[in-house]
Amino acid sequence: MIEGAAILLAGMVLGHWLSRRILSLRLRGLGKLPPKPVCSCKHAPSFHDPETGRCHYKWKAAVGYLDVWQTCACRRYDGPTPLPEFYAPELNP
């Protein structure tokens, strides 16, 4: 009984992994994967302030025996242009 459950679980995990792998290879081969909007500092547009453009990403760096939070030195987002945001009021009052 336990062996059967283990075989079933292994088959489900393997099937899930293979289906995702085949789908990603198929999409990559067709060139249908959308480009990821990433700046040259390797951070997403969500880390950049829309008004000033500065990157607000912080990471912990070890300096000697202390951990210091450092900010990204990127001055503005230079990756692909994200879609514009629009406000659409509701039609039904």
PDB file of N, CA and C in Angstrom:
ATOM      1  N   MET A   1       0.817  -1.190   0.000  1.00  0.00           N
ATOM      2  CA  MET A   1       0.000   0.000   0.000  1.00  0.00           C
ATOM      3  C   MET A   1       0.869   1.266   0.000  1.00  0.00           C
ATOM      4  N   ILE A   2       1.896   1.276   0.837  1.00  0.00           N
ATOM      5  CA  ILE A   2       2.788   2.439   0.905  1.00  0.00           C
ATOM      6  C   ILE A   2       3.576   2.574  -0.391  1.00  0.00           C
ATOM      7  N   GLU A   3       3.973   1.420  -0.960  1.00  0.00           N
ATOM      8  CA  GLU A   3       4.717   1.473  -2.216  1.00  0.00           C
ATOM      9  C   GLU A   3       3.862   2.077  -3.329  1.00  0.00           C
ATOM     10  N   GLY A   4       2.604   1.732  -3.355  1.00  0.00           N
ATOM     11  CA  GLY A   4       1.703   2.275  -4.367  1.00  0.00           C
ATOM     12  C   GLY A   4       1.534   3.781  -4.223  1.00  0.00           C
ATOM     13  N   ALA A   5       1.413   4.251  -2.989  1.00  0.00           N
ATOM     14  CA  ALA A   5       1.285   5.691  -2.753  1.00  0.00           C
ATOM     15  C   ALA A   5       2.562   6.421  -3.168  1.00  0.00           C
ATOM     16  N   ALA A   6       3.710   5.809  -2.892  1.00  0.00           N
ATOM     17  CA  ALA A   6       4.984   6.427  -3.282  1.00  0.00           C
ATOM     18  C   ALA A   6       5.120   6.496  -4.800  1.00  0.00           C
ATOM     19  N   ILE A   7       4.708   5.437  -5.484  1.00  0.00           N
ATOM     20  CA  ILE A   7       4.773   5.430  -6.950  1.00  0.00           C
ATOM     21  C   ILE A   7       3.827   6.464  -7.532  1.00  0.00           C
ATOM     22  N   LEU A   8       2.627   6.573  -6.958  1.00  0.00           N
ATOM     23  CA  LEU A   8       1.661   7.571  -7.414  1.00  0.00           C
ATOM     24  C   LEU A   8       2.200   8.989  -7.209  1.00  0.00           C
ATOM     25  N   LEU A   9       2.751   9.250  -6.052  1.00  0.00           N
ATOM     26  CA  LEU A   9       3.305  10.575  -5.763  1.00  0.00           C
ATOM     27  C   LEU A   9       4.470  10.901  -6.698  1.00  0.00           C
ATOM     28  N   ALA A  10       5.357   9.940  -6.924  1.00  0.00           N
ATOM     29  CA  ALA A  10       6.482  10.164  -7.831  1.00  0.00           C
ATOM     30  C   ALA A  10       5.994  10.435  -9.249  1.00  0.00           C
ATOM     31  N   GLY A  11       4.971   9.713  -9.689  1.00  0.00           N
ATOM     32  CA  GLY A  11       4.421   9.942 -11.025  1.00  0.00           C
ATOM     33  C   GLY A  11       3.786  11.311 -11.156  1.00  0.00           C
ATOM     34  N   MET A  12       3.087  11.754 -10.117  1.00  0.00           N
ATOM     35  CA  MET A  12       2.468  13.082 -10.169  1.00  0.00           C
ATOM     36  C   MET A  12       3.518  14.190 -10.205  1.00  0.00           C
ATOM     37  N   VAL A  13       4.546  14.062  -9.385  1.00  0.00           N
ATOM     38  CA  VAL A  13       5.610  15.071  -9.362  1.00  0.00           C
ATOM     39  C   VAL A  13       6.348  15.092 -10.690  1.00  0.00           C
ATOM     40  N   LEU A  14       6.691  13.927 -11.208  1.00  0.00           N
ATOM     41  CA  LEU A  14       7.401  13.858 -12.485  1.00  0.00           C
ATOM     42  C   LEU A  14       6.542  14.391 -13.624  1.00  0.00           C
ATOM     43  N   GLY A  15       5.254  14.069 -13.633  1.00  0.00           N
ATOM     44  CA  GLY A  15       4.361  14.574 -14.676  1.00  0.00           C
ATOM     45  C   GLY A  15       4.216  16.086 -14.624  1.00  0.00           C
ATOM     46  N   HIS A  16       4.103  16.630 -13.431  1.00  0.00           N
ATOM     47  CA  HIS A  16       3.994  18.090 -13.291  1.00  0.00           C
ATOM     48  C   HIS A  16       5.275  18.767 -13.774  1.00  0.00           C
ATOM     49  N   TRP A  17       6.418  18.239 -13.366  1.00  0.00           N
ATOM     50  CA  TRP A  17       7.700  18.837 -13.762  1.00  0.00           C
ATOM     51  C   TRP A  17       7.901  18.750 -15.280  1.00  0.00           C
ATOM     52  N   LEU A  18       7.598  17.600 -15.876  1.00  0.00           N
ATOM     53  CA  LEU A  18       7.785  17.439 -17.314  1.00  0.00           C
ATOM     54  C   LEU A  18       6.841  18.326 -18.118  1.00  0.00           C
ATOM     55  N   SER A  19       5.594  18.478 -17.662  1.00  0.00           N
ATOM     56  CA  SER A  19       4.658  19.316 -18.407  1.00  0.00           C
ATOM     57  C   SER A  19       5.096  20.772 -18.388  1.00  0.00           C
ATOM     58  N   ARG A  20       5.571  21.251 -17.247  1.00  0.00           N
ATOM     59  CA  ARG A  20       6.057  22.637 -17.184  1.00  0.00           C
ATOM     60  C   ARG A  20       7.311  22.812 -18.035  1.00  0.00           C
ATOM     61  N   ARG A  21       8.196  21.837 -18.014  1.00  0.00           N
ATOM     62  CA  ARG A  21       9.445  21.908 -18.785  1.00  0.00           C
ATOM     63  C   ARG A  21       9.153  21.911 -20.282  1.00  0.00           C
ATOM     64  N   ILE A  22       8.275  21.034 -20.716  1.00  0.00           N
ATOM     65  CA  ILE A  22       7.953  20.952 -22.143  1.00  0.00           C
ATOM     66  C   ILE A  22       7.252  22.223 -22.603  1.00  0.00           C
ATOM     67  N   LEU A  23       6.346  22.754 -21.779  1.00  0.00           N
ATOM     68  CA  LEU A  23       5.641  23.985 -22.140  1.00  0.00           C
ATOM     69  C   LEU A  23       6.612  25.160 -22.247  1.00  0.00           C
ATOM     70  N   SER A  24       7.531  25.282 -21.301  1.00  0.00           N
ATOM     71  CA  SER A  24       8.477  26.399 -21.360  1.00  0.00           C
ATOM     72  C   SER A  24       9.417  26.261 -22.558  1.00  0.00           C
ATOM     73  N   LEU A  25       9.844  25.046 -22.876  1.00  0.00           N
ATOM     74  CA  LEU A  25      10.697  24.850 -24.052  1.00  0.00           C
ATOM     75  C   LEU A  25       9.939  25.150 -25.336  1.00  0.00           C
ATOM     76  N   ARG A  26       8.670  24.763 -25.371  1.00  0.00           N
ATOM     77  CA  ARG A  26       7.865  25.007 -26.562  1.00  0.00           C
ATOM     78  C   ARG A  26       7.651  26.506 -26.764  1.00  0.00           C
ATOM     79  N   LEU A  27       7.335  27.221 -25.686  1.00  0.00           N
ATOM     80  CA  LEU A  27       7.128  28.662 -25.797  1.00  0.00           C
ATOM     81  C   LEU A  27       8.437  29.396 -26.124  1.00  0.00           C
ATOM     82  N   ARG A  28       9.536  28.949 -25.535  1.00  0.00           N
ATOM     83  CA  ARG A  28      10.815  29.586 -25.802  1.00  0.00           C
ATOM     84  C   ARG A  28      11.231  29.364 -27.254  1.00  0.00           C
ATOM     85  N   GLY A  29      10.934  28.190 -27.776  1.00  0.00           N
ATOM     86  CA  GLY A  29      11.268  27.895 -29.167  1.00  0.00           C
ATOM     87  C   GLY A  29      10.459  28.737 -30.135  1.00  0.00           C
ATOM     88  N   LEU A  30       9.237  29.059 -29.785  1.00  0.00           N
ATOM     89  CA  LEU A  30       8.406  29.884 -30.653  1.00  0.00           C
ATOM     90  C   LEU A  30       8.686  31.375 -30.487  1.00  0.00           C
ATOM     91  N   GLY A  31       9.463  31.729 -29.495  1.00  0.00           N
ATOM     92  CA  GLY A  31       9.748  33.137 -29.255  1.00  0.00           C
ATOM     93  C   GLY A  31       8.574  33.869 -28.635  1.00  0.00           C
ATOM     94  N   LYS A  32       7.706  33.166 -27.923  1.00  0.00           N
ATOM     95  CA  LYS A  32       6.508  33.764 -27.356  1.00  0.00           C
ATOM     96  C   LYS A  32       6.689  34.216 -25.916  1.00  0.00           C
ATOM     97  N   LEU A  33       7.826  33.921 -25.296  1.00  0.00           N
ATOM     98  CA  LEU A  33       8.018  34.367 -23.926  1.00  0.00           C
ATOM     99  C   LEU A  33       8.205  35.876 -23.904  1.00  0.00           C
ATOM    100  N   PRO A  34       7.409  36.573 -23.107  1.00  0.00           N
ATOM    101  CA  PRO A  34       7.557  38.033 -23.061  1.00  0.00           C
ATOM    102  C   PRO A  34       8.858  38.425 -22.378  1.00  0.00           C
ATOM    103  N   PRO A  35       9.461  39.507 -22.811  1.00  0.00           N
ATOM    104  CA  PRO A  35      10.691  39.935 -22.150  1.00  0.00           C
ATOM    105  C   PRO A  35      10.382  40.443 -20.751  1.00  0.00           C
ATOM    106  N   LYS A  36      11.271  40.175 -19.841  1.00  0.00           N
ATOM    107  CA  LYS A  36      11.085  40.649 -18.475  1.00  0.00           C
ATOM    108  C   LYS A  36      11.595  42.086 -18.399  1.00  0.00           C
ATOM    109  N   PRO A  37      10.770  43.004 -17.895  1.00  0.00           N
ATOM    110  CA  PRO A  37      11.237  44.386 -17.782  1.00  0.00           C
ATOM    111  C   PRO A  37      12.234  44.523 -16.638  1.00  0.00           C
ATOM    112  N   VAL A  38      13.503  44.537 -16.979  1.00  0.00           N
ATOM    113  CA  VAL A  38      14.561  44.622 -15.985  1.00  0.00           C
ATOM    114  C   VAL A  38      15.517  45.729 -16.387  1.00  0.00           C
ATOM    115  N   CYS A  39      15.897  46.539 -15.417  1.00  0.00           N
ATOM    116  CA  CYS A  39      16.845  47.637 -15.635  1.00  0.00           C
ATOM    117  C   CYS A  39      18.260  47.057 -15.760  1.00  0.00           C
ATOM    118  N   SER A  40      19.194  47.884 -16.145  1.00  0.00           N
ATOM    119  CA  SER A  40      20.584  47.426 -16.237  1.00  0.00           C
ATOM    120  C   SER A  40      21.167  47.128 -14.857  1.00  0.00           C
ATOM    121  N   CYS A  41      20.524  47.626 -13.795  1.00  0.00           N
ATOM    122  CA  CYS A  41      20.966  47.298 -12.434  1.00  0.00           C
ATOM    123  C   CYS A  41      20.369  45.969 -11.973  1.00  0.00           C
ATOM    124  N   LYS A  42      19.651  45.276 -12.866  1.00  0.00           N
ATOM    125  CA  LYS A  42      19.054  43.960 -12.627  1.00  0.00           C
ATOM    126  C   LYS A  42      17.858  44.012 -11.678  1.00  0.00           C
ATOM    127  N   HIS A  43      17.212  45.162 -11.536  1.00  0.00           N
ATOM    128  CA  HIS A  43      16.031  45.286 -10.683  1.00  0.00           C
ATOM    129  C   HIS A  43      14.814  45.630 -11.533  1.00  0.00           C
ATOM    130  N   ALA A  44      13.655  45.216 -11.073  1.00  0.00           N
ATOM    131  CA  ALA A  44      12.402  45.438 -11.791  1.00  0.00           C
ATOM    132  C   ALA A  44      11.990  46.906 -11.712  1.00  0.00           C
ATOM    133  N   PRO A  45      11.076  47.350 -12.579  1.00  0.00           N
ATOM    134  CA  PRO A  45      10.619  48.743 -12.525  1.00  0.00           C
ATOM    135  C   PRO A  45       9.910  49.086 -11.224  1.00  0.00           C
ATOM    136  N   SER A  46       9.414  48.096 -10.497  1.00  0.00           N
ATOM    137  CA  SER A  46       8.721  48.374  -9.243  1.00  0.00           C
ATOM    138  C   SER A  46       9.651  48.936  -8.183  1.00  0.00           C
ATOM    139  N   PHE A  47      10.959  48.724  -8.312  1.00  0.00           N
ATOM    140  CA  PHE A  47      11.906  49.273  -7.351  1.00  0.00           C
ATOM    141  C   PHE A  47      12.296  50.706  -7.683  1.00  0.00           C
ATOM    142  N   HIS A  48      11.907  51.218  -8.840  1.00  0.00           N
ATOM    143  CA  HIS A  48      12.286  52.569  -9.257  1.00  0.00           C
ATOM    144  C   HIS A  48      11.147  53.542  -8.997  1.00  0.00           C
ATOM    145  N   ASP A  49      11.478  54.692  -8.448  1.00  0.00           N
ATOM    146  CA  ASP A  49      10.491  55.730  -8.183  1.00  0.00           C
ATOM    147  C   ASP A  49      10.044  56.329  -9.511  1.00  0.00           C
ATOM    148  N   PRO A  50       8.728  56.397  -9.785  1.00  0.00           N
ATOM    149  CA  PRO A  50       8.284  56.904 -11.092  1.00  0.00           C
ATOM    150  C   PRO A  50       8.595  58.378 -11.312  1.00  0.00           C
ATOM    151  N   GLU A  51       8.715  59.155 -10.256  1.00  0.00           N
ATOM    152  CA  GLU A  51       8.977  60.590 -10.419  1.00  0.00           C
ATOM    153  C   GLU A  51      10.466  60.888 -10.559  1.00  0.00           C
ATOM    154  N   THR A  52      11.269  60.339  -9.661  1.00  0.00           N
ATOM    155  CA  THR A  52      12.707  60.635  -9.703  1.00  0.00           C
ATOM    156  C   THR A  52      13.495  59.608 -10.501  1.00  0.00           C
ATOM    157  N   GLY A  53      12.984  58.379 -10.589  1.00  0.00           N
ATOM    158  CA  GLY A  53      13.675  57.332 -11.325  1.00  0.00           C
ATOM    159  C   GLY A  53      14.718  56.591 -10.518  1.00  0.00           C
ATOM    160  N   ARG A  54      14.971  57.001  -9.284  1.00  0.00           N
ATOM    161  CA  ARG A  54      15.990  56.341  -8.459  1.00  0.00           C
ATOM    162  C   ARG A  54      15.533  54.964  -8.014  1.00  0.00           C
ATOM    163  N   CYS A  55      16.482  54.057  -7.920  1.00  0.00           N
ATOM    164  CA  CYS A  55      16.216  52.695  -7.495  1.00  0.00           C
ATOM    165  C   CYS A  55      16.222  52.639  -5.965  1.00  0.00           C
ATOM    166  N   HIS A  56      15.199  52.014  -5.382  1.00  0.00           N
ATOM    167  CA  HIS A  56      15.081  51.936  -3.929  1.00  0.00           C
ATOM    168  C   HIS A  56      15.421  50.547  -3.404  1.00  0.00           C
ATOM    169  N   TYR A  57      16.086  49.734  -4.197  1.00  0.00           N
ATOM    170  CA  TYR A  57      16.433  48.384  -3.763  1.00  0.00           C
ATOM    171  C   TYR A  57      17.556  48.457  -2.740  1.00  0.00           C
ATOM    172  N   LYS A  58      17.416  47.707  -1.662  1.00  0.00           N
ATOM    173  CA  LYS A  58      18.457  47.659  -0.631  1.00  0.00           C
ATOM    174  C   LYS A  58      18.840  46.210  -0.391  1.00  0.00           C
ATOM    175  N   TRP A  59      20.100  45.983  -0.100  1.00  0.00           N
ATOM    176  CA  TRP A  59      20.557  44.646   0.219  1.00  0.00           C
ATOM    177  C   TRP A  59      21.524  44.727   1.381  1.00  0.00           C
ATOM    178  N   LYS A  60      21.669  43.601   2.054  1.00  0.00           N
ATOM    179  CA  LYS A  60      22.542  43.538   3.221  1.00  0.00           C
ATOM    180  C   LYS A  60      23.927  43.106   2.767  1.00  0.00           C
ATOM    181  N   ALA A  61      24.925  43.915   3.092  1.00  0.00           N
ATOM    182  CA  ALA A  61      26.304  43.600   2.728  1.00  0.00           C
ATOM    183  C   ALA A  61      27.133  43.502   4.003  1.00  0.00           C
ATOM    184  N   ALA A  62      28.007  42.541   4.040  1.00  0.00           N
ATOM    185  CA  ALA A  62      28.858  42.361   5.213  1.00  0.00           C
ATOM    186  C   ALA A  62      30.097  43.232   5.077  1.00  0.00           C
ATOM    187  N   VAL A  63      30.271  44.155   6.019  1.00  0.00           N
ATOM    188  CA  VAL A  63      31.448  45.021   6.060  1.00  0.00           C
ATOM    189  C   VAL A  63      32.155  44.717   7.368  1.00  0.00           C
ATOM    190  N   GLY A  64      33.264  44.003   7.275  1.00  0.00           N
ATOM    191  CA  GLY A  64      33.948  43.582   8.498  1.00  0.00           C
ATOM    192  C   GLY A  64      33.077  42.595   9.251  1.00  0.00           C
ATOM    193  N   TYR A  65      32.738  42.923  10.473  1.00  0.00           N
ATOM    194  CA  TYR A  65      31.868  42.060  11.260  1.00  0.00           C
ATOM    195  C   TYR A  65      30.454  42.629  11.370  1.00  0.00           C
ATOM    196  N   LEU A  66      30.160  43.722  10.661  1.00  0.00           N
ATOM    197  CA  LEU A  66      28.848  44.356  10.690  1.00  0.00           C
ATOM    198  C   LEU A  66      28.078  44.066   9.402  1.00  0.00           C
ATOM    199  N   ASP A  67      26.776  44.044   9.500  1.00  0.00           N
ATOM    200  CA  ASP A  67      25.914  43.966   8.326  1.00  0.00           C
ATOM    201  C   ASP A  67      25.370  45.358   8.050  1.00  0.00           C
ATOM    202  N   VAL A  68      25.599  45.864   6.843  1.00  0.00           N
ATOM    203  CA  VAL A  68      25.201  47.215   6.487  1.00  0.00           C
ATOM    204  C   VAL A  68      24.226  47.143   5.319  1.00  0.00           C
ATOM    205  N   TRP A  69      23.130  47.910   5.406  1.00  0.00           N
ATOM    206  CA  TRP A  69      22.178  47.996   4.300  1.00  0.00           C
ATOM    207  C   TRP A  69      22.685  49.006   3.290  1.00  0.00           C
ATOM    208  N   GLN A  70      22.817  48.582   2.031  1.00  0.00           N
ATOM    209  CA  GLN A  70      23.295  49.458   0.970  1.00  0.00           C
ATOM    210  C   GLN A  70      22.187  49.648  -0.049  1.00  0.00           C
ATOM    211  N   THR A  71      22.126  50.847  -0.647  1.00  0.00           N
ATOM    212  CA  THR A  71      21.129  51.119  -1.671  1.00  0.00           C
ATOM    213  C   THR A  71      21.751  50.952  -3.060  1.00  0.00           C
ATOM    214  N   CYS A  72      20.901  50.741  -4.027  1.00  0.00           N
ATOM    215  CA  CYS A  72      21.356  50.585  -5.403  1.00  0.00           C
ATOM    216  C   CYS A  72      21.806  51.954  -5.935  1.00  0.00           C
ATOM    217  N   ALA A  73      22.817  51.972  -6.756  1.00  0.00           N
ATOM    218  CA  ALA A  73      23.354  53.224  -7.281  1.00  0.00           C
ATOM    219  C   ALA A  73      22.695  53.660  -8.585  1.00  0.00           C
ATOM    220  N   CYS A  74      21.670  52.944  -9.019  1.00  0.00           N
ATOM    221  CA  CYS A  74      21.000  53.278 -10.276  1.00  0.00           C
ATOM    222  C   CYS A  74      20.277  54.620 -10.150  1.00  0.00           C
ATOM    223  N   ARG A  75      20.446  55.483 -11.137  1.00  0.00           N
ATOM    224  CA  ARG A  75      19.847  56.824 -11.080  1.00  0.00           C
ATOM    225  C   ARG A  75      18.491  56.902 -11.786  1.00  0.00           C
ATOM    226  N   ARG A  76      18.268  56.024 -12.770  1.00  0.00           N
ATOM    227  CA  ARG A  76      16.971  56.012 -13.442  1.00  0.00           C
ATOM    228  C   ARG A  76      16.781  54.659 -14.111  1.00  0.00           C
ATOM    229  N   TYR A  77      15.517  54.301 -14.338  1.00  0.00           N
ATOM    230  CA  TYR A  77      15.179  53.036 -14.987  1.00  0.00           C
ATOM    231  C   TYR A  77      15.472  53.156 -16.474  1.00  0.00           C
ATOM    232  N   ASP A  78      16.256  52.216 -17.015  1.00  0.00           N
ATOM    233  CA  ASP A  78      16.608  52.275 -18.433  1.00  0.00           C
ATOM    234  C   ASP A  78      16.238  50.986 -19.175  1.00  0.00           C
ATOM    235  N   GLY A  79      15.319  50.214 -18.594  1.00  0.00           N
ATOM    236  CA  GLY A  79      14.895  48.976 -19.229  1.00  0.00           C
ATOM    237  C   GLY A  79      13.776  49.222 -20.226  1.00  0.00           C
ATOM    238  N   PRO A  80      13.093  48.149 -20.646  1.00  0.00           N
ATOM    239  CA  PRO A  80      11.981  48.299 -21.578  1.00  0.00           C
ATOM    240  C   PRO A  80      10.866  49.142 -20.955  1.00  0.00           C
ATOM    241  N   THR A  81      10.182  49.899 -21.777  1.00  0.00           N
ATOM    242  CA  THR A  81       9.123  50.774 -21.289  1.00  0.00           C
ATOM    243  C   THR A  81       7.897  49.946 -20.914  1.00  0.00           C
ATOM    244  N   PRO A  82       7.464  50.034 -19.643  1.00  0.00           N
ATOM    245  CA  PRO A  82       6.264  49.300 -19.267  1.00  0.00           C
ATOM    246  C   PRO A  82       5.022  49.934 -19.880  1.00  0.00           C
ATOM    247  N   LEU A  83       3.930  49.184 -19.894  1.00  0.00           N
ATOM    248  CA  LEU A  83       2.693  49.709 -20.439  1.00  0.00           C
ATOM    249  C   LEU A  83       2.221  50.908 -19.620  1.00  0.00           C
ATOM    250  N   PRO A  84       1.635  51.916 -20.268  1.00  0.00           N
ATOM    251  CA  PRO A  84       1.167  53.082 -19.513  1.00  0.00           C
ATOM    252  C   PRO A  84      -0.024  52.724 -18.635  1.00  0.00           C
ATOM    253  N   GLU A  85      -0.163  53.474 -17.541  1.00  0.00           N
ATOM    254  CA  GLU A  85      -1.273  53.248 -16.634  1.00  0.00           C
ATOM    255  C   GLU A  85      -2.361  54.276 -16.920  1.00  0.00           C
ATOM    256  N   PHE A  86      -3.590  53.802 -16.983  1.00  0.00           N
ATOM    257  CA  PHE A  86      -4.726  54.676 -17.233  1.00  0.00           C
ATOM    258  C   PHE A  86      -5.751  54.476 -16.130  1.00  0.00           C
ATOM    259  N   TYR A  87      -6.484  55.542 -15.840  1.00  0.00           N
ATOM    260  CA  TYR A  87      -7.574  55.448 -14.887  1.00  0.00           C
ATOM    261  C   TYR A  87      -8.874  55.454 -15.681  1.00  0.00           C
ATOM    262  N   ALA A  88      -9.695  54.463 -15.444  1.00  0.00           N
ATOM    263  CA  ALA A  88     -10.975  54.368 -16.121  1.00  0.00           C
ATOM    264  C   ALA A  88     -12.068  54.367 -15.050  1.00  0.00           C
ATOM    265  N   PRO A  89     -12.929  55.397 -15.021  1.00  0.00           N
ATOM    266  CA  PRO A  89     -13.996  55.414 -14.029  1.00  0.00           C
ATOM    267  C   PRO A  89     -15.023  54.329 -14.325  1.00  0.00           C
ATOM    268  N   GLU A  90     -15.736  53.916 -13.293  1.00  0.00           N
ATOM    269  CA  GLU A  90     -16.757  52.888 -13.465  1.00  0.00           C
ATOM    270  C   GLU A  90     -17.902  53.428 -14.293  1.00  0.00           C
ATOM    271  N   LEU A  91     -18.484  52.572 -15.128  1.00  0.00           N
ATOM    272  CA  LEU A  91     -19.592  52.996 -15.989  1.00  0.00           C
ATOM    273  C   LEU A  91     -20.929  52.972 -15.251  1.00  0.00           C
ATOM    274  N   ASN A  92     -21.084  52.031 -14.318  1.00  0.00           N
ATOM    275  CA  ASN A  92     -22.340  51.917 -13.580  1.00  0.00           C
ATOM    276  C   ASN A  92     -22.231  52.702 -12.281  1.00  0.00           C
ATOM    277  N   PRO A  93     -23.118  53.683 -12.064  1.00  0.00           N
ATOM    278  CA  PRO A  93     -23.057  54.450 -10.802  1.00  0.00           C
ATOM    279  C   PRO A  93     -23.549  53.658  -9.615  1.00  0.00           C
TER     280      PRO A  93
END
